[in-house]
Amino acid sequence: MKIVKKILTFVFLTIIFQGKAQINVDTVRIEDAGKISIEMDPEIAKFINNKENTSCAVVRTTTKPTTTTTRPRNNPSDPCAGKTQMPGYKIQVYYSKNRAQADRVKREFEANFPSFSTEIVYMSPDYRVLVGDYFTKSSANTDIRKIKSKYNSAFAIQYRILCRRAK
């Protein structure tokens, strides 16, 4: 048993040390203006092109081993960078255990305030009519004052918001 282990270890080590190492190391550089440059061994590029051509049946005429693409730069002051939704605030204008009543209030609200986005959400045990998308509670206050002319019970609640629509 010990001899078999020694033989297997020897064979394993021999295979490892005799394997070819890649001579040209692939490199990825991020340059100014968000430009990404990828350099790779031409043999690898040729292999990838051959695989793409055979598996996708697409003929590629590119023989250039270096690929350059541009990605958009993230603005650090943009709270929505890379996000579609985030925690924020919505204005609750109505709640009820009856879905039909919540639908009625939603339609009525949309007729009175067409510029607001509205939705009905179920938060057990109630259906709630929520409007708007706000980053902060204070940014919702100006709209709450407008809405309270028709809906006295309007107030801001924490909820997930669609980032690009938020104020």
C-alpha atoms as a PDB file:
ATOM      1  CA  MET A   1       0.000   0.000   0.000  1.00  0.00           C
ATOM      2  CA  LYS A   2       2.866   2.388   0.857  1.00  0.00           C
ATOM      3  CA  ILE A   3       4.556   1.603  -2.448  1.00  0.00           C
ATOM      4  CA  VAL A   4       1.381   2.463  -4.376  1.00  0.00           C
ATOM      5  CA  LYS A   5       1.120   5.806  -2.553  1.00  0.00           C
ATOM      6  CA  LYS A   6       4.765   6.578  -3.319  1.00  0.00           C
ATOM      7  CA  ILE A   7       4.328   5.699  -7.001  1.00  0.00           C
ATOM      8  CA  LEU A   8       1.164   7.797  -7.297  1.00  0.00           C
ATOM      9  CA  THR A   9       2.864  10.721  -5.553  1.00  0.00           C
ATOM     10  CA  PHE A  10       5.876  10.444  -7.891  1.00  0.00           C
ATOM     11  CA  VAL A  11       3.664  10.328 -10.987  1.00  0.00           C
ATOM     12  CA  PHE A  12       1.588  13.261  -9.746  1.00  0.00           C
ATOM     13  CA  LEU A  13       4.641  15.408  -9.007  1.00  0.00           C
ATOM     14  CA  THR A  14       6.205  14.521 -12.339  1.00  0.00           C
ATOM     15  CA  ILE A  15       3.090  15.608 -14.210  1.00  0.00           C
ATOM     16  CA  ILE A  16       2.946  18.876 -12.297  1.00  0.00           C
ATOM     17  CA  PHE A  17       6.582  19.823 -12.862  1.00  0.00           C
ATOM     18  CA  GLN A  18       6.625  18.846 -16.533  1.00  0.00           C
ATOM     19  CA  GLY A  19       3.521  20.873 -17.407  1.00  0.00           C
ATOM     20  CA  LYS A  20       4.159  23.937 -19.527  1.00  0.00           C
ATOM     21  CA  ALA A  21       3.787  27.265 -17.807  1.00  0.00           C
ATOM     22  CA  GLN A  22       2.432  30.239 -19.680  1.00  0.00           C
ATOM     23  CA  ILE A  23       5.361  32.394 -20.793  1.00  0.00           C
ATOM     24  CA  ASN A  24       3.474  35.639 -21.442  1.00  0.00           C
ATOM     25  CA  VAL A  25       1.397  36.618 -18.449  1.00  0.00           C
ATOM     26  CA  ASP A  26      -1.970  38.125 -19.311  1.00  0.00           C
ATOM     27  CA  THR A  27      -2.236  41.705 -18.097  1.00  0.00           C
ATOM     28  CA  VAL A  28      -5.135  44.029 -17.513  1.00  0.00           C
ATOM     29  CA  ARG A  29      -4.504  47.748 -17.210  1.00  0.00           C
ATOM     30  CA  ILE A  30      -7.027  50.415 -16.322  1.00  0.00           C
ATOM     31  CA  GLU A  31      -5.900  53.669 -17.849  1.00  0.00           C
ATOM     32  CA  ASP A  32      -7.216  57.227 -17.554  1.00  0.00           C
ATOM     33  CA  ALA A  33     -10.763  57.981 -18.664  1.00  0.00           C
ATOM     34  CA  GLY A  34     -11.954  54.475 -17.687  1.00  0.00           C
ATOM     35  CA  LYS A  35     -10.192  52.714 -20.574  1.00  0.00           C
ATOM     36  CA  ILE A  36      -9.410  49.015 -19.976  1.00  0.00           C
ATOM     37  CA  SER A  37      -6.583  47.384 -21.896  1.00  0.00           C
ATOM     38  CA  ILE A  38      -6.194  43.582 -21.900  1.00  0.00           C
ATOM     39  CA  GLU A  39      -3.036  42.024 -23.304  1.00  0.00           C
ATOM     40  CA  MET A  40      -2.773  38.285 -23.829  1.00  0.00           C
ATOM     41  CA  ASP A  41      -0.577  35.734 -25.509  1.00  0.00           C
ATOM     42  CA  PRO A  42      -1.405  35.539 -29.261  1.00  0.00           C
ATOM     43  CA  GLU A  43      -1.769  31.756 -28.952  1.00  0.00           C
ATOM     44  CA  ILE A  44      -4.503  32.197 -26.354  1.00  0.00           C
ATOM     45  CA  ALA A  45      -6.256  34.787 -28.509  1.00  0.00           C
ATOM     46  CA  LYS A  46      -6.113  32.381 -31.469  1.00  0.00           C
ATOM     47  CA  PHE A  47      -7.508  29.552 -29.322  1.00  0.00           C
ATOM     48  CA  ILE A  48     -10.378  31.736 -28.073  1.00  0.00           C
ATOM     49  CA  ASN A  49     -11.227  32.867 -31.611  1.00  0.00           C
ATOM     50  CA  ASN A  50     -11.200  29.248 -32.833  1.00  0.00           C
ATOM     51  CA  LYS A  51     -13.505  28.184 -29.988  1.00  0.00           C
ATOM     52  CA  GLU A  52     -15.891  31.068 -30.678  1.00  0.00           C
ATOM     53  CA  ASN A  53     -15.953  30.259 -34.376  1.00  0.00           C
ATOM     54  CA  THR A  54     -16.683  26.579 -33.877  1.00  0.00           C
ATOM     55  CA  SER A  55     -19.208  26.841 -31.041  1.00  0.00           C
ATOM     56  CA  CYS A  56     -21.117  29.884 -32.310  1.00  0.00           C
ATOM     57  CA  ALA A  57     -20.620  29.374 -36.049  1.00  0.00           C
ATOM     58  CA  VAL A  58     -19.529  33.005 -36.327  1.00  0.00           C
ATOM     59  CA  VAL A  59     -16.559  33.917 -38.500  1.00  0.00           C
ATOM     60  CA  ARG A  60     -14.278  36.453 -36.855  1.00  0.00           C
ATOM     61  CA  THR A  61     -11.531  38.211 -38.747  1.00  0.00           C
ATOM     62  CA  THR A  62      -9.887  39.752 -35.684  1.00  0.00           C
ATOM     63  CA  THR A  63      -6.290  38.680 -35.215  1.00  0.00           C
ATOM     64  CA  LYS A  64      -5.295  41.475 -32.883  1.00  0.00           C
ATOM     65  CA  PRO A  65      -4.311  40.032 -29.467  1.00  0.00           C
ATOM     66  CA  THR A  66      -5.012  43.250 -27.540  1.00  0.00           C
ATOM     67  CA  THR A  67      -8.599  44.281 -26.795  1.00  0.00           C
ATOM     68  CA  THR A  68      -9.527  47.750 -25.556  1.00  0.00           C
ATOM     69  CA  THR A  69     -12.942  48.744 -24.242  1.00  0.00           C
ATOM     70  CA  THR A  70     -14.268  51.835 -22.548  1.00  0.00           C
ATOM     71  CA  ARG A  71     -16.452  51.696 -19.459  1.00  0.00           C
ATOM     72  CA  PRO A  72     -18.401  54.588 -17.967  1.00  0.00           C
ATOM     73  CA  ARG A  73     -16.816  56.313 -15.004  1.00  0.00           C
ATOM     74  CA  ASN A  74     -18.729  56.263 -11.758  1.00  0.00           C
ATOM     75  CA  ASN A  75     -19.426  59.648 -10.285  1.00  0.00           C
ATOM     76  CA  PRO A  76     -18.723  59.355  -6.532  1.00  0.00           C
ATOM     77  CA  SER A  77     -21.394  61.950  -5.748  1.00  0.00           C
ATOM     78  CA  ASP A  78     -24.086  59.949  -7.601  1.00  0.00           C
ATOM     79  CA  PRO A  79     -26.053  57.927  -4.997  1.00  0.00           C
ATOM     80  CA  CYS A  80     -27.548  55.801  -7.785  1.00  0.00           C
ATOM     81  CA  ALA A  81     -24.229  54.634  -9.245  1.00  0.00           C
ATOM     82  CA  GLY A  82     -24.715  50.982 -10.140  1.00  0.00           C
ATOM     83  CA  LYS A  83     -28.095  50.700  -8.391  1.00  0.00           C
ATOM     84  CA  THR A  84     -31.661  50.603  -9.621  1.00  0.00           C
ATOM     85  CA  GLN A  85     -33.259  50.456  -6.172  1.00  0.00           C
ATOM     86  CA  MET A  86     -32.124  51.625  -2.768  1.00  0.00           C
ATOM     87  CA  PRO A  87     -33.573  52.401   0.670  1.00  0.00           C
ATOM     88  CA  GLY A  88     -35.433  55.682   0.752  1.00  0.00           C
ATOM     89  CA  TYR A  89     -38.880  57.125   1.465  1.00  0.00           C
ATOM     90  CA  LYS A  90     -42.328  57.058  -0.109  1.00  0.00           C
ATOM     91  CA  ILE A  91     -45.458  58.919   0.893  1.00  0.00           C
ATOM     92  CA  GLN A  92     -48.286  56.764   2.196  1.00  0.00           C
ATOM     93  CA  VAL A  93     -51.641  58.332   1.320  1.00  0.00           C
ATOM     94  CA  TYR A  94     -54.007  55.486   2.217  1.00  0.00           C
ATOM     95  CA  TYR A  95     -54.217  52.019   3.736  1.00  0.00           C
ATOM     96  CA  SER A  96     -56.997  49.456   3.959  1.00  0.00           C
ATOM     97  CA  LYS A  97     -57.587  45.745   4.361  1.00  0.00           C
ATOM     98  CA  ASN A  98     -59.730  45.911   1.214  1.00  0.00           C
ATOM     99  CA  ARG A  99     -57.799  45.788  -2.094  1.00  0.00           C
ATOM    100  CA  ALA A 100     -60.703  47.257  -4.085  1.00  0.00           C
ATOM    101  CA  GLN A 101     -60.783  50.373  -1.879  1.00  0.00           C
ATOM    102  CA  ALA A 102     -57.012  50.791  -2.241  1.00  0.00           C
ATOM    103  CA  ASP A 103     -57.362  50.530  -6.047  1.00  0.00           C
ATOM    104  CA  ARG A 104     -60.103  53.169  -5.990  1.00  0.00           C
ATOM    105  CA  VAL A 105     -57.956  55.576  -3.950  1.00  0.00           C
ATOM    106  CA  LYS A 106     -54.973  54.953  -6.249  1.00  0.00           C
ATOM    107  CA  ARG A 107     -57.023  55.824  -9.366  1.00  0.00           C
ATOM    108  CA  GLU A 108     -58.436  58.904  -7.629  1.00  0.00           C
ATOM    109  CA  PHE A 109     -54.949  60.013  -6.553  1.00  0.00           C
ATOM    110  CA  GLU A 110     -53.557  59.566 -10.085  1.00  0.00           C
ATOM    111  CA  ALA A 111     -56.383  61.749 -11.418  1.00  0.00           C
ATOM    112  CA  ASN A 112     -55.669  64.486  -8.823  1.00  0.00           C
ATOM    113  CA  PHE A 113     -51.856  64.299  -8.979  1.00  0.00           C
ATOM    114  CA  PRO A 114     -50.788  62.882 -12.372  1.00  0.00           C
ATOM    115  CA  SER A 115     -47.112  63.809 -11.934  1.00  0.00           C
ATOM    116  CA  PHE A 116     -46.577  61.338  -9.049  1.00  0.00           C
ATOM    117  CA  SER A 117     -45.701  57.688  -9.452  1.00  0.00           C
ATOM    118  CA  THR A 118     -48.145  55.528  -7.477  1.00  0.00           C
ATOM    119  CA  GLU A 119     -48.238  51.912  -6.396  1.00  0.00           C
ATOM    120  CA  ILE A 120     -50.204  49.611  -4.152  1.00  0.00           C
ATOM    121  CA  VAL A 121     -48.192  47.345  -1.853  1.00  0.00           C
ATOM    122  CA  TYR A 122     -49.374  44.697   0.559  1.00  0.00           C
ATOM    123  CA  MET A 123     -47.869  45.027   4.031  1.00  0.00           C
ATOM    124  CA  SER A 124     -49.664  42.528   6.174  1.00  0.00           C
ATOM    125  CA  PRO A 125     -52.502  43.005   7.016  1.00  0.00           C
ATOM    126  CA  ASP A 126     -53.068  46.130   4.891  1.00  0.00           C
ATOM    127  CA  TYR A 127     -52.925  47.317   1.290  1.00  0.00           C
ATOM    128  CA  ARG A 128     -51.127  50.651   1.135  1.00  0.00           C
ATOM    129  CA  VAL A 129     -51.137  53.324  -1.552  1.00  0.00           C
ATOM    130  CA  LEU A 130     -47.600  54.721  -1.810  1.00  0.00           C
ATOM    131  CA  VAL A 131     -46.502  57.628  -3.982  1.00  0.00           C
ATOM    132  CA  GLY A 132     -43.230  59.226  -5.044  1.00  0.00           C
ATOM    133  CA  ASP A 133     -39.596  58.253  -4.535  1.00  0.00           C
ATOM    134  CA  TYR A 134     -37.444  60.300  -2.141  1.00  0.00           C
ATOM    135  CA  PHE A 135     -33.873  59.982  -0.922  1.00  0.00           C
ATOM    136  CA  THR A 136     -34.617  61.634   2.433  1.00  0.00           C
ATOM    137  CA  LYS A 137     -37.641  62.294   4.606  1.00  0.00           C
ATOM    138  CA  SER A 138     -37.111  66.041   4.336  1.00  0.00           C
ATOM    139  CA  SER A 139     -37.178  65.896   0.528  1.00  0.00           C
ATOM    140  CA  ALA A 140     -40.646  64.306   0.786  1.00  0.00           C
ATOM    141  CA  ASN A 141     -42.000  67.056   3.044  1.00  0.00           C
ATOM    142  CA  THR A 142     -42.721  69.586   0.258  1.00  0.00           C
ATOM    143  CA  ASP A 143     -44.819  67.025  -1.618  1.00  0.00           C
ATOM    144  CA  ILE A 144     -46.534  65.906   1.590  1.00  0.00           C
ATOM    145  CA  ARG A 145     -47.771  69.492   2.085  1.00  0.00           C
ATOM    146  CA  LYS A 146     -49.270  69.473  -1.443  1.00  0.00           C
ATOM    147  CA  ILE A 147     -50.862  66.052  -0.973  1.00  0.00           C
ATOM    148  CA  LYS A 148     -52.358  66.884   2.446  1.00  0.00           C
ATOM    149  CA  SER A 149     -54.764  69.297   0.731  1.00  0.00           C
ATOM    150  CA  LYS A 150     -56.689  66.212  -0.456  1.00  0.00           C
ATOM    151  CA  TYR A 151     -55.312  63.386   1.748  1.00  0.00           C
ATOM    152  CA  ASN A 152     -54.938  64.506   5.384  1.00  0.00           C
ATOM    153  CA  SER A 153     -53.328  61.266   6.533  1.00  0.00           C
ATOM    154  CA  ALA A 154     -50.338  61.450   4.135  1.00  0.00           C
ATOM    155  CA  PHE A 155     -46.926  60.833   5.721  1.00  0.00           C
ATOM    156  CA  ALA A 156     -43.470  59.576   4.725  1.00  0.00           C
ATOM    157  CA  ILE A 157     -42.439  55.965   5.350  1.00  0.00           C
ATOM    158  CA  GLN A 158     -39.187  54.142   4.742  1.00  0.00           C
ATOM    159  CA  TYR A 159     -39.371  51.928   1.672  1.00  0.00           C
ATOM    160  CA  ARG A 160     -37.290  50.841  -1.315  1.00  0.00           C
ATOM    161  CA  ILE A 161     -37.246  53.430  -4.070  1.00  0.00           C
ATOM    162  CA  LEU A 162     -36.413  53.499  -7.753  1.00  0.00           C
ATOM    163  CA  CYS A 163     -33.199  55.415  -7.701  1.00  0.00           C
ATOM    164  CA  ARG A 164     -33.479  57.351 -10.991  1.00  0.00           C
ATOM    165  CA  ARG A 165     -36.967  58.647 -10.158  1.00  0.00           C
ATOM    166  CA  ALA A 166     -36.089  59.842  -6.646  1.00  0.00           C
ATOM    167  CA  LYS A 167     -35.901  63.490  -5.599  1.00  0.00           C
END
